[in-house]
Protein backbone atom coordinates (compact mmCIF):
# COMPACT_ATOMS: atom_id res chain seq x y z
CA MET A 1 0.00 0.00 0.00
CA PRO A 2 -0.78 2.75 -0.92
CA HIS A 3 -3.07 2.41 -3.87
CA PHE A 4 -3.47 5.60 -5.88
CA PHE A 5 -6.67 6.33 -7.77
CA VAL A 6 -6.18 9.43 -9.89
CA GLU A 7 -9.53 10.61 -11.25
CA TYR A 8 -9.33 13.40 -13.80
CA SER A 9 -11.71 15.19 -16.12
CA ALA A 10 -11.45 14.07 -19.73
CA ASN A 11 -10.60 17.60 -20.85
CA LEU A 12 -7.23 17.20 -19.05
CA GLU A 13 -6.17 14.07 -20.90
CA ASP A 14 -3.60 15.86 -23.06
CA ALA A 15 -2.20 17.88 -20.14
CA ILE A 16 -2.03 15.42 -17.24
CA GLU A 17 0.83 13.14 -18.45
CA ILE A 18 -0.51 10.35 -16.26
CA ASP A 19 2.43 7.94 -16.71
CA ALA A 20 4.91 10.60 -15.56
CA LEU A 21 2.66 11.38 -12.58
CA PHE A 22 2.56 7.70 -11.62
CA GLU A 23 6.34 7.43 -11.88
CA THR A 24 6.82 10.40 -9.55
CA LEU A 25 4.13 9.25 -7.11
CA HIS A 26 5.74 5.80 -6.84
CA ARG A 27 9.23 7.22 -6.34
CA GLU A 28 8.16 9.78 -3.74
CA ALA A 29 5.83 7.41 -1.88
CA ALA A 30 8.68 4.91 -1.51
CA ALA A 31 11.09 7.70 -0.50
CA THR A 32 8.87 8.63 2.46
CA GLY A 33 9.93 5.37 4.10
CA VAL A 34 6.28 4.80 4.99
CA PHE A 35 5.29 2.70 1.99
CA PRO A 36 7.20 -0.27 0.48
CA LEU A 37 7.59 -0.02 -3.29
CA GLY A 38 6.12 -3.51 -3.81
CA GLY A 39 2.82 -2.38 -2.33
CA ILE A 40 2.31 0.74 -4.42
CA ARG A 41 -0.35 0.63 -7.16
CA SER A 42 -1.62 3.41 -9.41
CA ARG A 43 -4.76 3.67 -11.49
CA GLY A 44 -5.80 6.51 -13.75
CA VAL A 45 -9.51 7.05 -14.14
CA LYS A 46 -10.49 9.44 -16.92
CA VAL A 47 -13.96 10.75 -16.18
CA ALA A 48 -15.89 11.48 -19.36
CA GLN A 49 -19.08 12.74 -17.76
CA TYR A 50 -18.80 15.46 -15.15
CA ARG A 51 -20.00 18.94 -14.28
CA ILE A 52 -17.73 21.32 -12.42
CA ALA A 53 -18.87 24.57 -10.77
CA ASP A 54 -20.76 26.66 -13.37
CA GLY A 55 -20.51 23.92 -15.99
CA HIS A 56 -18.08 25.78 -18.25
CA PRO A 57 -16.36 23.24 -20.53
CA ASP A 58 -12.88 24.55 -19.61
CA ASN A 59 -13.34 23.65 -15.94
CA SER A 60 -11.26 20.63 -15.00
CA PHE A 61 -10.38 18.52 -11.98
CA VAL A 62 -7.93 15.99 -10.60
CA HIS A 63 -8.86 14.07 -7.48
CA LEU A 64 -6.39 11.66 -5.91
CA VAL A 65 -7.69 9.00 -3.55
CA ILE A 66 -4.96 7.22 -1.61
CA ARG A 67 -5.99 3.98 0.06
CA VAL A 68 -3.55 2.84 2.73
CA GLY A 69 -3.25 -0.18 4.97
CA HIS A 70 -4.33 0.05 8.59
CA GLY A 71 -1.88 0.67 11.40
CA ARG A 72 0.03 3.87 10.78
CA ASP A 73 -0.48 6.83 13.06
CA VAL A 74 -2.24 9.95 11.78
CA GLU A 75 0.87 12.15 11.99
CA THR A 76 2.89 9.75 9.81
CA LEU A 77 0.09 9.52 7.26
CA HIS A 78 -0.40 13.29 7.24
CA LYS A 79 3.30 13.91 6.57
CA ALA A 80 3.34 11.35 3.75
CA GLY A 81 0.09 12.79 2.41
CA ALA A 82 1.56 16.28 2.30
CA VAL A 83 4.49 14.98 0.25
CA LEU A 84 2.17 13.21 -2.18
CA PHE A 85 -0.17 16.19 -2.53
CA ALA A 86 2.87 18.33 -3.37
CA VAL A 87 3.82 15.79 -6.06
CA VAL A 88 0.39 16.16 -7.67
CA THR A 89 0.26 19.96 -7.42
CA ASP A 90 3.82 20.32 -8.74
CA HIS A 91 3.05 17.96 -11.60
CA LEU A 92 -0.04 19.97 -12.53
CA ALA A 93 1.49 23.44 -12.02
CA LYS A 94 1.52 24.34 -15.71
CA ALA A 95 -2.09 23.27 -16.21
CA PHE A 96 -3.09 25.10 -13.03
CA GLN A 97 -1.61 28.35 -14.39
CA THR A 98 -3.41 28.10 -17.72
CA ARG A 99 -6.89 26.72 -17.02
CA PRO A 100 -9.58 26.44 -14.34
CA LEU A 101 -8.48 23.40 -12.34
CA ALA A 102 -9.54 21.93 -9.02
CA ILE A 103 -6.96 19.62 -7.41
CA SER A 104 -7.95 17.56 -4.39
CA MET A 105 -6.76 14.53 -2.49
CA GLU A 106 -8.01 12.30 0.30
CA MET A 107 -6.38 9.46 2.16
CA GLN A 108 -8.49 6.50 3.25
CA GLU A 109 -7.45 3.78 5.65
CA ILE A 110 -8.54 0.29 4.68
CA HIS A 111 -10.35 -1.68 7.37
CA PRO A 112 -7.86 -4.08 9.02
CA THR A 113 -10.02 -7.22 8.92
CA LEU A 114 -12.23 -6.56 5.90
CA THR A 115 -9.43 -6.62 3.35
CA PHE A 116 -8.20 -9.69 1.50
CA LYS A 117 -4.88 -9.93 -0.35
CA LYS A 118 -2.57 -12.32 -2.10
CA ASN A 119 0.63 -10.65 -3.27
CA ASN A 120 4.04 -11.88 -4.38
CA LEU A 121 5.18 -8.55 -5.83
CA HIS A 122 7.48 -7.68 -2.92
CA GLU A 123 9.71 -10.68 -3.68
CA TYR A 124 9.88 -9.89 -7.39
CA VAL A 125 10.62 -6.20 -6.81
CA LYS A 126 13.37 -7.10 -4.34
CA ALA A 127 14.92 -9.63 -6.73
CA ARG A 128 14.87 -7.15 -9.64
CA SER A 129 16.43 -4.51 -7.44
CA LYS A 130 19.28 -6.87 -6.57
CA SER A 131 19.85 -7.83 -10.22
CA ASP A 132 19.81 -4.16 -11.31
CA ALA A 133 22.49 -3.38 -8.69
CA ALA A 134 24.73 -6.20 -9.92
């Protein structure tokens, strides 16, 4: 964990550079020391139907939902969240300067007993890291 769900209005598709955003989110999330790289997932969700504020077609939005595993204290999550929100706002700075854009983010903690997982990614990521270093 975390899992990133980046929802964005379809009128931002050419400006958002979603793959670059994912790359930066993964790097910075791992760099916080709070989240292991093998647990990070990103999904981009282009929203084709939306209405923002007065309904002007130039209005746009990006909303990041971060779902995290249970057990970290609020202060730790808040610090990591601030880093990740800065990643998103920095990434979107050019778009923010040139168009009406709402950027928001929320972090959600997954219930500790109502989640089910099967994951071998950590082992593969670790093995690839070792082979890249060799």
